[in-house]
Amino acid sequence: MTNYVPSQVFASISTRDNQQLPKTQGIFPPQRDNMFSSMLNVPENFPSKGIDKTDRLIKVTAVGEVSLPPDRCRVTTKIHSIKDNVQDVKNSIQRRLDYVLQTLQNHGVKESDIQVHKSMRRSESMYDMTTEIIVVFLDFHKCQTACNLLVEKLDETVSVGMPEFYHAGTTLETLRQQASLLAVHNAKQKAQEMAKFVHQAVGKPICIQEEESKEWEGQIEGVAEVETHPTVQQRISQATVTVSCRVNVTFELKPKVKNKSAS
């Protein structure tokens, strides 16, 4: 059997109202005042002159969610050649490398967005050389055009990889800030609608607290889209980042002021 827990009631009696009562009249005799207070469990610091204005609050919870497709793509192009003479293999690689670099320059790619790595090894009496060109594109259309041109003009010794889509670090930080600000904005709108319904107005914010922040890649949270050979659009969709932020905001609640018509 569960233990009985008495109900607790908090009450406040206005001092002004008490002064209006005759000293000889009262609900309880003076000797029962202490007993009455203990029955109600009235805290000693409970306000005696009504509710303070800081108690007129409205607390709301809201969510802000923003999504952004990737703003960068990375493509790796490999040039491979094998010759029995070291100078021949170098010349073979260099001719194709010059063509790749010239094509990238014609498509507006900056030199700082291009990395070139060369490696050579011996395979019996042959010289095996591979060069990797890693390029970062800011324009997806230029990326597609440049890659298609390299595939068309160069032979099988050059392989152009599929683009890898991602976000710049500063872009993700901005996206997180946008989600937080949107959550606060939604909280204010929600509070205003609730206050309007009860003929009140929302004042200044008292407290803003971020409860939860999440981010994920793809269209649906927790669902990874796995494709054996995804298309470019599927790769972009998979790399799209969504940030969700939930906040608790407390606003001051005040009576709605009616505009007086001019006489």
Protein backbone atom coordinates (compact mmCIF):
# COMPACT_ATOMS: atom_id res chain seq x y z
CA MET A 1 0.00 0.00 0.00
CA THR A 2 1.40 3.38 -0.99
CA ASN A 3 2.12 5.97 1.68
CA TYR A 4 -0.25 8.86 1.97
CA VAL A 5 1.32 12.15 0.89
CA PRO A 6 -0.56 15.28 2.00
CA SER A 7 -1.22 17.98 -0.55
CA GLN A 8 0.77 21.19 -0.21
CA VAL A 9 -0.89 24.55 -0.86
CA PHE A 10 0.98 27.82 -1.18
CA ALA A 11 -0.91 30.97 -0.31
CA SER A 12 -0.26 34.65 0.12
CA ILE A 13 -2.44 37.10 1.99
CA SER A 14 -2.14 40.74 1.08
CA THR A 15 -1.09 42.98 3.98
CA ARG A 16 -3.43 45.74 2.82
CA ASP A 17 -6.43 43.43 2.94
CA ASN A 18 -5.49 42.34 6.45
CA GLN A 19 -5.40 45.93 7.62
CA GLN A 20 -8.96 46.49 6.46
CA LEU A 21 -10.28 43.79 8.80
CA PRO A 22 -11.27 44.86 12.30
CA LYS A 23 -8.81 43.78 14.92
CA THR A 24 -11.52 41.88 16.75
CA GLN A 25 -12.54 39.90 13.67
CA GLY A 26 -10.70 37.18 11.85
CA ILE A 27 -11.06 33.76 10.42
CA PHE A 28 -8.82 32.16 12.98
CA PRO A 29 -7.99 33.22 16.51
CA PRO A 30 -4.47 34.62 17.01
CA GLN A 31 -3.35 31.51 18.84
CA ARG A 32 -4.13 29.42 15.74
CA ASP A 33 -2.08 31.53 13.28
CA ASN A 34 1.00 29.33 13.61
CA MET A 35 -1.04 26.18 13.16
CA PHE A 36 -2.73 27.60 10.04
CA SER A 37 0.64 28.52 8.52
CA SER A 38 2.10 25.09 9.15
CA MET A 39 -0.94 23.41 7.61
CA LEU A 40 -0.47 25.41 4.39
CA ASN A 41 3.31 24.98 4.38
CA VAL A 42 3.81 28.65 3.51
CA PRO A 43 7.50 29.42 2.89
CA GLU A 44 8.97 32.20 4.98
CA ASN A 45 10.24 34.11 1.93
CA PHE A 46 6.93 33.81 0.03
CA PRO A 47 5.91 37.27 -1.31
CA SER A 48 3.29 38.99 0.79
CA LYS A 49 2.21 41.64 -1.69
CA GLY A 50 0.96 39.61 -4.65
CA ILE A 51 2.87 38.06 -7.51
CA ASP A 52 6.04 39.82 -8.58
CA LYS A 53 6.21 40.98 -12.18
CA THR A 54 9.13 38.63 -12.84
CA ASP A 55 6.73 35.74 -12.22
CA ARG A 56 4.76 36.76 -15.31
CA LEU A 57 6.67 34.55 -17.70
CA ILE A 58 5.98 32.44 -20.74
CA LYS A 59 8.29 29.51 -21.52
CA VAL A 60 8.35 27.90 -24.95
CA THR A 61 10.34 25.23 -26.78
CA ALA A 62 11.05 25.51 -30.50
CA VAL A 63 13.17 23.84 -33.17
CA GLY A 64 15.16 25.36 -36.02
CA GLU A 65 16.24 23.14 -38.92
CA VAL A 66 18.25 24.13 -41.98
CA SER A 67 19.75 22.09 -44.83
CA LEU A 68 22.50 22.95 -47.29
CA PRO A 69 23.90 21.06 -50.30
CA PRO A 70 27.70 20.74 -50.52
CA ASP A 71 29.65 23.77 -51.72
CA ARG A 72 32.88 21.97 -52.65
CA CYS A 73 33.83 18.95 -54.71
CA ARG A 74 37.13 17.15 -54.95
CA VAL A 75 38.29 15.17 -58.00
CA THR A 76 41.37 12.95 -58.19
CA THR A 77 42.93 12.32 -61.59
CA LYS A 78 45.65 9.69 -61.99
CA ILE A 79 48.24 9.47 -64.77
CA HIS A 80 50.10 6.18 -65.06
CA SER A 81 52.94 5.15 -67.33
CA ILE A 82 55.50 2.36 -67.41
CA LYS A 83 58.66 2.47 -69.57
CA ASP A 84 62.02 0.77 -69.72
CA ASN A 85 63.76 4.15 -69.65
CA VAL A 86 63.39 6.58 -66.76
CA GLN A 87 63.42 9.70 -68.94
CA ASP A 88 60.79 8.25 -71.26
CA VAL A 89 58.41 7.60 -68.39
CA LYS A 90 58.92 11.11 -67.06
CA ASN A 91 58.25 12.68 -70.43
CA SER A 92 55.14 10.58 -70.92
CA ILE A 93 53.75 11.67 -67.55
CA GLN A 94 54.71 15.32 -67.99
CA ARG A 95 52.97 15.71 -71.37
CA ARG A 96 49.68 14.50 -69.96
CA LEU A 97 50.13 16.47 -66.73
CA ASP A 98 50.66 19.70 -68.67
CA TYR A 99 47.44 19.07 -70.58
CA VAL A 100 45.48 18.42 -67.38
CA LEU A 101 46.82 21.57 -65.69
CA GLN A 102 46.09 23.69 -68.75
CA THR A 103 42.54 22.36 -68.91
CA LEU A 104 41.97 23.19 -65.24
CA GLN A 105 43.36 26.69 -65.72
CA ASN A 106 41.02 27.26 -68.67
CA HIS A 107 38.10 26.38 -66.39
CA GLY A 108 39.05 28.97 -63.78
CA VAL A 109 40.62 26.66 -61.19
CA LYS A 110 43.14 28.45 -58.98
CA GLU A 111 46.63 27.07 -58.54
CA SER A 112 46.09 26.93 -54.77
CA ASP A 113 43.21 24.46 -55.35
CA ILE A 114 45.45 21.97 -57.18
CA GLN A 115 47.77 19.42 -55.57
CA VAL A 116 50.15 17.22 -57.57
CA HIS A 117 51.79 14.10 -56.14
CA LYS A 118 54.35 12.00 -58.07
CA SER A 119 55.64 8.56 -57.23
CA MET A 120 57.97 6.18 -59.07
CA ARG A 121 58.97 2.58 -58.44
CA ARG A 122 60.94 -0.16 -60.20
CA SER A 123 59.16 -3.19 -61.60
CA GLU A 124 61.94 -5.56 -62.60
CA SER A 125 63.70 -3.67 -65.41
CA MET A 126 60.82 -1.23 -65.97
CA TYR A 127 60.10 2.18 -64.47
CA ASP A 128 56.55 2.54 -63.15
CA MET A 129 55.41 6.11 -62.46
CA THR A 130 52.08 7.45 -61.20
CA THR A 131 51.01 11.07 -60.77
CA GLU A 132 47.92 12.15 -58.82
CA ILE A 133 46.25 15.51 -59.40
CA ILE A 134 43.79 16.44 -56.64
CA VAL A 135 41.57 19.35 -57.62
CA VAL A 136 39.02 21.28 -55.57
CA PHE A 137 36.16 22.82 -57.57
CA LEU A 138 33.84 25.54 -56.29
CA ASP A 139 31.62 25.34 -59.37
CA PHE A 140 30.00 21.95 -60.00
CA HIS A 141 29.22 22.77 -63.63
CA LYS A 142 32.87 23.61 -64.38
CA CYS A 143 33.90 20.43 -62.60
CA GLN A 144 31.68 18.30 -64.81
CA THR A 145 32.79 20.06 -68.00
CA ALA A 146 36.50 19.79 -67.21
CA CYS A 147 36.29 16.13 -66.23
CA ASN A 148 34.35 15.21 -69.35
CA LEU A 149 36.95 16.97 -71.51
CA LEU A 150 39.85 15.10 -69.88
CA VAL A 151 38.13 11.77 -70.42
CA GLU A 152 37.44 12.64 -74.04
CA LYS A 153 40.89 13.95 -75.00
CA LEU A 154 43.27 11.73 -73.04
CA ASP A 155 43.96 8.02 -73.43
CA GLU A 156 43.51 5.16 -71.01
CA THR A 157 46.69 6.08 -69.11
CA VAL A 158 44.67 8.89 -67.51
CA SER A 159 41.80 8.03 -65.18
CA VAL A 160 39.42 10.68 -63.84
CA GLY A 161 37.70 9.82 -60.57
CA MET A 162 34.13 10.61 -59.55
CA PRO A 163 33.66 13.92 -57.71
CA GLU A 164 33.63 13.81 -53.92
CA PHE A 165 31.23 16.43 -52.51
CA TYR A 166 31.70 18.11 -49.14
CA HIS A 167 31.30 21.39 -47.20
CA ALA A 168 33.94 23.91 -46.25
CA GLY A 169 34.53 24.20 -42.49
CA THR A 170 33.35 27.81 -42.34
CA THR A 171 30.17 26.87 -44.22
CA LEU A 172 29.23 24.25 -41.62
CA GLU A 173 29.84 26.70 -38.77
CA THR A 174 27.59 29.27 -40.43
CA LEU A 175 24.92 26.59 -40.95
CA ARG A 176 24.97 25.72 -37.22
CA GLN A 177 24.54 29.38 -36.30
CA GLN A 178 21.62 29.73 -38.71
CA ALA A 179 19.87 26.75 -37.11
CA SER A 180 20.26 28.27 -33.63
CA LEU A 181 18.97 31.68 -34.71
CA LEU A 182 16.04 30.10 -36.54
CA ALA A 183 15.11 28.14 -33.40
CA VAL A 184 15.06 31.35 -31.32
CA HIS A 185 13.04 33.12 -34.02
CA ASN A 186 10.50 30.28 -34.05
CA ALA A 187 10.33 30.37 -30.25
CA LYS A 188 9.50 34.08 -30.28
CA GLN A 189 6.79 33.63 -32.88
CA LYS A 190 5.32 30.75 -30.91
CA ALA A 191 5.32 32.78 -27.70
CA GLN A 192 3.68 35.75 -29.44
CA GLU A 193 0.86 33.60 -30.80
CA MET A 194 0.25 32.01 -27.40
CA ALA A 195 0.30 35.38 -25.64
CA LYS A 196 -2.03 36.90 -28.21
CA PHE A 197 -4.52 34.12 -27.60
CA VAL A 198 -4.84 35.14 -23.92
CA HIS A 199 -4.73 38.90 -24.66
CA GLN A 200 -1.17 39.37 -23.44
CA ALA A 201 2.04 40.64 -25.01
CA VAL A 202 5.55 39.20 -25.10
CA GLY A 203 8.27 41.32 -23.55
CA LYS A 204 12.03 40.93 -23.47
CA PRO A 205 13.66 37.48 -23.30
CA ILE A 206 14.65 36.38 -19.80
CA CYS A 207 16.54 33.17 -20.60
CA ILE A 208 17.63 31.39 -23.80
CA GLN A 209 18.90 27.84 -23.45
CA GLU A 210 19.99 25.46 -26.22
CA GLU A 211 18.71 22.01 -25.32
CA GLU A 212 19.93 19.92 -28.26
CA SER A 213 21.83 20.25 -31.51
CA LYS A 214 22.05 17.54 -34.17
CA GLU A 215 23.40 17.32 -37.70
CA TRP A 216 23.43 14.58 -40.30
CA GLU A 217 24.16 13.92 -43.97
CA GLY A 218 21.49 12.80 -46.43
CA GLN A 219 17.79 13.54 -46.67
CA ILE A 220 16.59 11.61 -43.60
CA GLU A 221 18.19 11.50 -40.17
CA GLY A 222 19.68 8.13 -39.31
CA VAL A 223 19.13 6.69 -42.81
CA ALA A 224 22.24 6.23 -44.93
CA GLU A 225 21.65 6.09 -48.66
CA VAL A 226 23.97 3.39 -49.98
CA GLU A 227 24.29 2.98 -53.73
CA THR A 228 26.77 0.76 -55.54
CA HIS A 229 27.22 3.28 -58.34
CA PRO A 230 25.52 6.53 -57.27
CA THR A 231 24.90 9.25 -59.82
CA VAL A 232 26.20 12.79 -59.37
CA GLN A 233 22.81 13.98 -58.09
CA GLN A 234 22.68 11.09 -55.62
CA ARG A 235 26.17 12.00 -54.39
CA ILE A 236 25.07 15.60 -53.86
CA SER A 237 21.98 14.43 -51.98
CA GLN A 238 24.04 12.13 -49.77
CA ALA A 239 26.46 14.97 -48.96
CA THR A 240 23.70 17.46 -48.08
CA VAL A 241 24.00 18.42 -44.41
CA THR A 242 21.03 19.18 -42.16
CA VAL A 243 21.42 20.87 -38.77
CA SER A 244 18.64 20.82 -36.17
CA CYS A 245 18.66 22.90 -32.98
CA ARG A 246 16.12 22.86 -30.13
CA VAL A 247 15.95 25.73 -27.64
CA ASN A 248 13.99 26.70 -24.54
CA VAL A 249 13.26 30.41 -24.29
CA THR A 250 11.63 32.30 -21.45
CA PHE A 251 10.00 35.66 -22.20
CA GLU A 252 8.51 38.29 -19.96
CA LEU A 253 4.71 38.35 -20.23
CA LYS A 254 2.93 41.67 -19.91
CA PRO A 255 -0.61 42.97 -20.46
CA LYS A 256 -1.40 44.03 -23.99
CA VAL A 257 -1.55 47.80 -24.27
CA LYS A 258 -4.50 49.12 -26.27
CA ASN A 259 -3.89 52.13 -28.46
CA LYS A 260 -6.08 55.05 -27.40
CA SER A 261 -7.84 56.75 -30.30
CA ALA A 262 -7.00 60.40 -30.70
CA SER A 263 -9.71 62.72 -29.50
